[in-house]
Amino acid sequence: MKYDFSTEGAPKGSNSVKWDMNPDVLPLWVAEMDFPVAPFIVDAVRRRVEKAVFGYTLVPDSYYDCVRNWFSRRYSWNIAREEIIPIEGIVPAVSIAVKALTEPGDKVVFFTPAYNCFFHNITNPGAEENRSVLLWNEERRRYEVDWEDFERRIADPATKAFLLCNPHNPCGRLWNRDELERMGRICQEHGVPVISDEIHCEIAAPGTSYIPFATLFPQNCISMVSPTKPFSIPGLQIANIICANEDFRRRLDRIINIWEHCDVNQLGIVALEAAYSREGEEWLEQMNAVVHDNFLELRERFEREFPEVRVATLEATYLAWLDFSGLALSGKQIQDHLLKEEKLWINAGDMYGDPRCMRINLACPRSTIKKALDLYVRGIRELKAGLL
């Protein structure tokens, strides 16, 4: 079936953070798609709503079977039912895992630039950041691990966890097997467990596929997955912690019960089962192709207009990462100018740990990305002219 990826924006007045918070701007900032939710998910949720029962909800056997079948079929990740812990979202799941594995004052290693929530996922429970800065590889046009720095930080006796983003947001890396195995070996050698946020795992460039970290080091990791990013349903608040290590699960269960994270959204259960289907696979394939084409459009435009700007190759996620240091402009300068003068909202890199950069959401119709790129280019030209 051919799905619609051409409709622009969410309907105004739906209390959308993206579209109603600042309705006068074109929003390409928050990691939320502009594509309509897949019709088979809408139909499944509608059927559930029509039952008119909204009480406390059990998670059915079909839910666990669906999660297990999806990851087994697509990624050869064989998950036992008892390893699945339904949770309302990835951000609380990461915080729970950090609480479960650390005590106040312990260090958590993670790569920067990083997803902005990682910073408070670590510090809110009282742990300390231990940042390993990714290195730019000019030949491959991508960010890579500084292995010497990474191992030094993992070997620090105060380090009690490594927080991985697989695939990586905001740099768009799809970590390959060699990289994941090297990360895992280093962590295993130093007795450091891995917390792996894999929410973007289904969003990968055509012809590629992500590798679940847990398929390589099942007893030394806690993984998080969710259909909310790849199927544009974050408001339904559904995710899963996957953990094969019984001791880690006991620690997770303790934190989940202490902090009362025990229930999930009943409509999220239904939406997940609809998403993790053969129809879902077909929808994903088409969506990923649209995002990839949008990335090629962006990269070609910047290569032509501003070759000094580094555009990281988008291997995964729908979030492109651009470094403007070659233009002597900061992401914040560009962000503020675009908001004020062009009514275009794109995030500066400050919140991700690199003020030289910007992150732009490409999960939108081609007409939207073309319009946004026109505004982007015009705004940068105006800023450059003002500096002369």
Protein backbone atom coordinates (compact mmCIF):
# COMPACT_ATOMS: atom_id res chain seq x y z
CA MET A 1 0.00 0.00 0.00
CA LYS A 2 1.16 3.52 -0.79
CA TYR A 3 1.03 5.83 2.23
CA ASP A 4 0.68 9.62 2.36
CA PHE A 5 3.83 11.54 3.31
CA SER A 6 2.87 14.79 1.58
CA THR A 7 0.42 16.38 4.05
CA GLU A 8 1.99 19.44 5.69
CA GLY A 9 1.99 19.86 9.45
CA ALA A 10 -0.32 18.82 12.27
CA PRO A 11 -3.71 20.49 12.54
CA LYS A 12 -3.50 23.70 14.55
CA GLY A 13 -5.52 23.65 17.74
CA SER A 14 -4.62 20.05 18.68
CA ASN A 15 -2.51 21.21 21.65
CA SER A 16 0.56 20.17 19.71
CA VAL A 17 3.82 21.25 21.35
CA LYS A 18 5.36 21.48 17.91
CA TRP A 19 2.60 23.38 16.10
CA ASP A 20 0.67 25.25 18.79
CA MET A 21 3.43 26.44 21.11
CA ASN A 22 4.50 29.03 18.54
CA PRO A 23 1.94 28.85 15.73
CA ASP A 24 3.52 31.62 13.65
CA VAL A 25 6.73 29.71 12.89
CA LEU A 26 7.68 26.72 10.75
CA PRO A 27 8.86 24.19 13.39
CA LEU A 28 11.70 21.85 12.47
CA TRP A 29 13.11 21.61 15.98
CA VAL A 30 11.49 18.96 18.19
CA ALA A 31 11.97 15.29 17.24
CA GLU A 32 8.42 14.66 16.10
CA MET A 33 7.25 13.80 12.61
CA ASP A 34 4.93 15.93 10.52
CA PHE A 35 3.62 12.89 8.66
CA PRO A 36 0.07 11.73 9.41
CA VAL A 37 -0.03 8.78 11.79
CA ALA A 38 -0.29 5.56 9.80
CA PRO A 39 -3.97 4.72 9.12
CA PHE A 40 -3.73 1.19 10.54
CA ILE A 41 -2.61 2.68 13.88
CA VAL A 42 -5.42 5.24 13.83
CA ASP A 43 -7.93 2.48 13.06
CA ALA A 44 -6.67 0.29 15.90
CA VAL A 45 -6.86 3.16 18.41
CA ARG A 46 -10.33 4.14 17.15
CA ARG A 47 -11.62 0.60 17.66
CA ARG A 48 -10.27 0.61 21.20
CA VAL A 49 -11.81 4.02 22.00
CA GLU A 50 -15.18 2.82 20.75
CA LYS A 51 -15.25 0.22 23.52
CA ALA A 52 -15.69 3.19 25.92
CA VAL A 53 -13.65 1.55 28.68
CA PHE A 54 -10.83 3.64 30.11
CA GLY A 55 -10.08 2.00 33.44
CA TYR A 56 -6.87 0.55 34.83
CA THR A 57 -5.29 -1.66 32.22
CA LEU A 58 -3.51 -5.00 32.10
CA VAL A 59 -0.76 -5.47 29.55
CA PRO A 60 -2.00 -8.47 27.51
CA ASP A 61 -0.02 -11.48 26.34
CA SER A 62 -0.45 -10.27 22.76
CA TYR A 63 1.59 -7.16 23.57
CA TYR A 64 4.61 -9.15 24.76
CA ASP A 65 4.31 -11.51 21.78
CA CYS A 66 4.19 -8.55 19.43
CA VAL A 67 7.36 -6.97 20.84
CA ARG A 68 9.20 -10.27 20.75
CA ASN A 69 8.12 -11.11 17.19
CA TRP A 70 8.98 -7.63 15.86
CA PHE A 71 12.55 -7.60 17.10
CA SER A 72 13.15 -11.27 16.31
CA ARG A 73 11.85 -10.93 12.75
CA ARG A 74 13.58 -7.66 11.92
CA TYR A 75 16.81 -7.74 13.92
CA SER A 76 17.38 -11.36 15.07
CA TRP A 77 17.00 -10.18 18.66
CA ASN A 78 15.46 -13.02 20.63
CA ILE A 79 13.81 -11.56 23.73
CA ALA A 80 12.22 -13.61 26.51
CA ARG A 81 8.92 -12.34 27.87
CA GLU A 82 10.33 -11.78 31.36
CA GLU A 83 12.96 -9.44 29.91
CA ILE A 84 10.30 -6.91 28.78
CA ILE A 85 9.30 -4.13 31.18
CA PRO A 86 6.60 -1.84 29.72
CA ILE A 87 7.15 1.81 30.68
CA GLU A 88 5.58 5.14 29.73
CA GLY A 89 8.56 6.58 27.88
CA ILE A 90 12.26 6.39 27.07
CA VAL A 91 13.27 9.48 29.06
CA PRO A 92 11.89 8.12 32.35
CA ALA A 93 13.29 4.69 31.42
CA VAL A 94 16.81 6.10 31.11
CA SER A 95 16.48 7.92 34.43
CA ILE A 96 15.24 4.70 36.06
CA ALA A 97 18.24 2.78 34.70
CA VAL A 98 20.69 5.43 35.91
CA LYS A 99 19.06 5.33 39.38
CA ALA A 100 19.23 1.53 39.36
CA LEU A 101 22.93 1.33 38.49
CA THR A 102 24.47 4.33 40.26
CA GLU A 103 24.71 6.09 43.58
CA PRO A 104 25.08 9.86 44.02
CA GLY A 105 28.60 10.88 43.02
CA ASP A 106 29.11 8.00 40.60
CA LYS A 107 30.02 8.89 37.01
CA VAL A 108 28.17 8.01 33.81
CA VAL A 109 30.08 8.07 30.52
CA PHE A 110 28.27 9.22 27.38
CA PHE A 111 29.16 10.61 23.97
CA THR A 112 28.74 14.28 23.16
CA PRO A 113 27.10 15.90 21.29
CA ALA A 114 24.26 14.14 23.07
CA TYR A 115 20.49 14.03 23.24
CA ASN A 116 19.66 16.92 25.53
CA CYS A 117 17.72 14.86 28.09
CA PHE A 118 20.81 12.74 28.78
CA PHE A 119 22.37 15.56 30.77
CA HIS A 120 19.58 15.66 33.38
CA ASN A 121 18.96 11.89 33.11
CA ILE A 122 22.41 11.62 34.68
CA THR A 123 22.51 14.57 37.07
CA ASN A 124 18.95 14.47 38.46
CA PRO A 125 19.59 11.18 40.34
CA GLY A 126 22.85 12.65 41.67
CA ALA A 127 25.33 11.02 39.27
CA GLU A 128 28.01 13.01 37.45
CA GLU A 129 28.58 13.50 33.73
CA ASN A 130 31.68 11.95 32.17
CA ARG A 131 31.62 13.24 28.59
CA SER A 132 33.56 11.62 25.75
CA VAL A 133 33.53 13.99 22.78
CA LEU A 134 32.98 12.40 19.36
CA LEU A 135 35.55 13.18 16.67
CA TRP A 136 34.77 14.40 13.15
CA ASN A 137 36.03 12.16 10.33
CA GLU A 138 36.30 14.44 7.30
CA GLU A 139 36.76 11.62 4.79
CA ARG A 140 33.66 9.76 5.92
CA ARG A 141 31.73 12.93 6.82
CA ARG A 142 30.65 11.50 10.14
CA TYR A 143 31.39 11.48 13.86
CA GLU A 144 33.38 8.65 15.40
CA VAL A 145 34.52 7.52 18.83
CA ASP A 146 37.74 8.79 20.37
CA TRP A 147 38.66 5.33 21.57
CA GLU A 148 41.59 6.33 23.78
CA ASP A 149 39.47 8.93 25.56
CA PHE A 150 36.49 6.59 25.82
CA GLU A 151 38.46 3.77 27.42
CA ARG A 152 40.17 6.16 29.84
CA ARG A 153 36.77 7.39 31.03
CA ILE A 154 35.29 3.89 31.27
CA ALA A 155 38.35 2.78 33.27
CA ASP A 156 37.78 5.53 35.85
CA PRO A 157 36.86 3.66 39.07
CA ALA A 158 34.07 6.21 39.66
CA THR A 159 32.37 5.25 36.36
CA LYS A 160 29.42 2.96 37.04
CA ALA A 161 27.55 3.08 33.70
CA PHE A 162 27.89 3.95 30.02
CA LEU A 163 24.87 5.65 28.46
CA LEU A 164 24.76 4.81 24.75
CA CYS A 165 22.48 6.26 22.08
CA ASN A 166 22.09 3.58 19.37
CA PRO A 167 21.50 5.00 16.75
CA HIS A 168 23.00 8.30 17.85
CA ASN A 169 20.98 11.48 18.29
CA PRO A 170 21.93 14.16 17.25
CA CYS A 171 24.88 13.06 15.07
CA GLY A 172 22.91 10.57 12.99
CA ARG A 173 25.35 7.68 13.41
CA LEU A 174 24.26 4.10 12.90
CA TRP A 175 26.93 2.38 14.98
CA ASN A 176 28.35 -0.63 13.13
CA ARG A 177 29.12 -4.05 14.56
CA ASP A 178 32.85 -3.37 15.05
CA GLU A 179 32.13 -0.16 16.95
CA LEU A 180 29.47 -1.72 19.17
CA GLU A 181 31.65 -4.75 19.91
CA ARG A 182 34.58 -2.51 20.81
CA MET A 183 32.40 -0.40 23.12
CA GLY A 184 31.02 -3.55 24.71
CA ARG A 185 34.42 -5.19 25.26
CA ILE A 186 35.84 -2.08 26.88
CA CYS A 187 32.84 -1.80 29.20
CA GLN A 188 32.91 -5.51 30.03
CA GLU A 189 36.64 -5.44 30.81
CA HIS A 190 36.11 -2.65 33.33
CA GLY A 191 32.86 -3.96 34.81
CA VAL A 192 30.74 -1.08 33.49
CA PRO A 193 27.15 -1.87 32.42
CA VAL A 194 25.62 -0.24 29.35
CA ILE A 195 22.34 1.66 29.21
CA SER A 196 21.33 1.76 25.54
CA ASP A 197 18.66 4.18 24.29
CA GLU A 198 17.52 2.63 21.00
CA ILE A 199 14.35 4.67 20.36
CA HIS A 200 15.46 5.60 16.82
CA CYS A 201 16.36 2.04 15.84
CA GLU A 202 13.76 1.68 13.07
CA ILE A 203 14.73 4.99 11.45
CA ALA A 204 17.69 4.10 9.24
CA ALA A 205 18.81 5.04 5.76
CA PRO A 206 17.61 2.67 3.01
CA GLY A 207 19.81 -0.39 2.67
CA THR A 208 21.06 -0.26 6.27
CA SER A 209 19.92 -1.81 9.54
CA TYR A 210 20.73 -1.20 13.17
CA ILE A 211 22.26 -3.79 15.48
CA PRO A 212 20.69 -4.10 18.93
CA PHE A 213 23.44 -3.78 21.51
CA ALA A 214 21.78 -6.54 23.54
CA THR A 215 22.39 -9.09 20.78
CA LEU A 216 26.12 -8.63 21.40
CA PHE A 217 26.32 -8.23 25.19
CA PRO A 218 22.97 -9.42 26.61
CA GLN A 219 24.10 -9.74 30.22
CA ASN A 220 25.81 -6.36 30.44
CA CYS A 221 23.14 -3.99 29.22
CA ILE A 222 19.75 -2.43 29.74
CA SER A 223 18.06 -1.46 26.46
CA MET A 224 15.14 0.87 25.73
CA VAL A 225 12.91 0.72 22.65
CA SER A 226 9.67 2.37 21.61
CA PRO A 227 7.45 2.85 18.55
CA THR A 228 6.82 6.49 19.46
CA LYS A 229 9.58 8.08 17.35
CA PRO A 230 9.41 5.87 14.23
CA PHE A 231 5.60 5.93 14.10
CA SER A 232 5.00 9.49 15.35
CA ILE A 233 2.95 8.60 18.44
CA PRO A 234 4.86 10.16 21.39
CA GLY A 235 1.62 11.42 22.96
CA LEU A 236 0.52 7.81 23.54
CA GLN A 237 3.45 7.29 25.93
CA ILE A 238 4.51 3.70 25.45
CA ALA A 239 7.99 2.16 25.58
CA ASN A 240 9.83 -0.91 26.81
CA ILE A 241 12.90 -1.59 28.87
CA ILE A 242 14.54 -4.83 27.69
CA CYS A 243 16.92 -6.51 30.12
CA ALA A 244 18.21 -10.09 30.18
CA ASN A 245 20.27 -9.65 33.37
CA GLU A 246 18.17 -10.77 36.35
CA ASP A 247 20.09 -8.67 38.87
CA PHE A 248 19.66 -5.54 36.74
CA ARG A 249 15.93 -6.32 36.42
CA ARG A 250 15.56 -6.56 40.18
CA ARG A 251 17.19 -3.17 40.56
CA LEU A 252 14.99 -1.70 37.82
CA ASP A 253 11.82 -3.11 39.39
CA ARG A 254 12.78 -1.59 42.74
CA ILE A 255 13.22 1.90 41.25
CA ILE A 256 10.07 1.60 39.12
CA ASN A 257 8.02 0.77 42.22
CA ILE A 258 9.65 3.39 44.43
CA TRP A 259 8.99 6.12 41.86
CA GLU A 260 5.55 4.76 40.82
CA HIS A 261 6.26 4.21 37.11
CA CYS A 262 4.18 1.04 37.00
CA ASP A 263 1.38 1.84 34.54
CA VAL A 264 1.28 2.49 30.80
CA ASN A 265 -1.25 4.12 28.49
CA GLN A 266 -3.87 1.63 27.29
CA LEU A 267 -4.04 3.34 23.88
CA GLY A 268 -0.26 3.07 23.66
CA ILE A 269 -0.56 -0.70 24.05
CA VAL A 270 -2.98 -0.86 21.12
CA ALA A 271 -0.88 1.49 18.98
CA LEU A 272 2.28 -0.54 19.58
CA GLU A 273 0.58 -3.76 18.49
CA ALA A 274 -0.62 -2.06 15.30
CA ALA A 275 2.77 -0.51 14.59
CA TYR A 276 4.76 -3.70 15.13
CA SER A 277 3.05 -5.43 12.22
CA ARG A 278 3.71 -6.23 8.58
CA GLU A 279 1.85 -3.04 7.69
CA GLY A 280 4.18 -1.20 10.04
CA GLU A 281 7.21 -2.55 8.19
CA GLU A 282 5.84 -1.35 4.87
CA TRP A 283 5.05 2.10 6.30
CA LEU A 284 8.54 2.38 7.79
CA GLU A 285 10.23 1.52 4.52
CA GLN A 286 8.37 4.30 2.72
CA MET A 287 8.91 6.81 5.55
CA ASN A 288 12.65 6.13 5.68
CA ALA A 289 12.91 6.70 1.93
CA VAL A 290 11.21 10.11 2.26
CA VAL A 291 13.54 11.14 5.10
CA HIS A 292 16.59 10.00 3.14
CA ASP A 293 15.50 12.00 0.09
CA ASN A 294 15.02 15.06 2.32
CA PHE A 295 18.53 14.61 3.67
CA LEU A 296 19.98 14.42 0.15
CA GLU A 297 18.10 17.63 -0.69
CA LEU A 298 19.55 19.37 2.38
CA ARG A 299 23.09 18.14 1.79
CA GLU A 300 23.08 19.15 -1.88
CA ARG A 301 21.73 22.61 -1.01
CA PHE A 302 24.41 23.26 1.60
CA GLU A 303 27.20 21.89 -0.58
CA ARG A 304 26.14 24.39 -3.22
CA GLU A 305 25.41 27.40 -1.01
CA PHE A 306 27.74 26.97 1.97
CA PRO A 307 30.45 24.35 1.34
CA GLU A 308 32.17 25.44 4.57
CA VAL A 309 29.34 23.90 6.61
CA ARG A 310 29.88 20.34 7.74
CA VAL A 311 26.79 18.23 7.11
CA ALA A 312 27.11 14.91 8.90
CA THR A 313 26.04 11.90 6.84
CA LEU A 314 22.61 10.84 8.05
CA GLU A 315 22.91 7.09 8.59
CA ALA A 316 19.99 6.90 11.03
CA THR A 317 17.33 9.01 12.79
CA TYR A 318 15.51 11.81 10.95
CA LEU A 319 17.67 14.51 12.56
CA ALA A 320 20.42 16.12 10.48
CA TRP A 321 23.43 17.65 12.28
CA LEU A 322 25.27 20.65 10.81
CA ASP A 323 28.46 22.36 12.03
CA PHE A 324 28.68 26.09 11.18
CA SER A 325 32.12 26.82 12.64
CA GLY A 326 33.49 27.17 9.09
CA LEU A 327 31.27 30.23 8.66
CA ALA A 328 32.34 31.75 12.00
CA LEU A 329 28.68 31.58 13.09
CA SER A 330 27.28 29.82 16.14
CA GLY A 331 24.15 27.74 16.13
CA LYS A 332 22.56 30.14 18.60
CA GLN A 333 23.19 33.14 16.32
CA ILE A 334 21.53 31.36 13.45
CA GLN A 335 18.67 29.99 15.56
CA ASP A 336 17.80 33.42 16.98
CA HIS A 337 17.99 35.13 13.59
CA LEU A 338 15.86 32.48 11.88
CA LEU A 339 13.20 32.67 14.58
CA LYS A 340 12.99 36.44 14.51
CA GLU A 341 13.42 37.21 10.81
CA GLU A 342 12.38 34.06 8.95
CA LYS A 343 9.85 32.48 11.34
CA LEU A 344 11.77 29.21 11.13
CA TRP A 345 12.56 27.23 14.29
CA ILE A 346 15.63 25.00 14.22
CA ASN A 347 17.51 24.02 17.38
CA ALA A 348 20.96 25.39 18.13
CA GLY A 349 23.51 22.84 19.30
CA ASP A 350 24.02 24.35 22.76
CA MET A 351 21.49 22.01 24.38
CA TYR A 352 23.27 19.00 22.86
CA GLY A 353 26.73 20.07 24.03
CA ASP A 354 28.13 21.73 20.89
CA PRO A 355 27.30 25.43 20.30
CA ARG A 356 28.87 25.36 16.83
CA CYS A 357 26.11 23.17 15.48
CA MET A 358 22.39 22.91 14.72
CA ARG A 359 19.95 20.00 14.54
CA ILE A 360 17.14 19.99 11.97
CA ASN A 361 14.18 17.61 11.76
CA LEU A 362 13.75 16.07 8.29
CA ALA A 363 10.63 14.00 9.01
CA CYS A 364 8.38 16.24 6.96
CA PRO A 365 6.98 16.45 3.42
CA ARG A 366 9.33 17.44 0.60
CA SER A 367 7.43 20.71 0.17
CA THR A 368 8.12 21.58 3.82
CA ILE A 369 11.85 20.87 3.61
CA LYS A 370 12.17 22.92 0.43
CA LYS A 371 10.40 25.86 2.08
CA ALA A 372 12.55 25.50 5.22
CA LEU A 373 15.78 25.35 3.23
CA ASP A 374 14.88 28.53 1.37
CA LEU A 375 14.39 30.30 4.72
CA TYR A 376 17.51 28.70 6.19
CA VAL A 377 19.74 29.77 3.31
CA ARG A 378 18.31 33.30 3.21
CA GLY A 379 18.79 33.72 6.94
CA ILE A 380 22.42 32.58 6.84
CA ARG A 381 23.13 34.89 3.92
CA GLU A 382 21.66 37.81 5.89
CA LEU A 383 23.81 36.96 8.91
CA LYS A 384 26.96 36.66 6.78
CA ALA A 385 26.24 39.98 5.09
CA GLY A 386 25.81 41.62 8.49
CA LEU A 387 29.26 40.44 9.55
CA LEU A 388 31.03 41.99 6.56
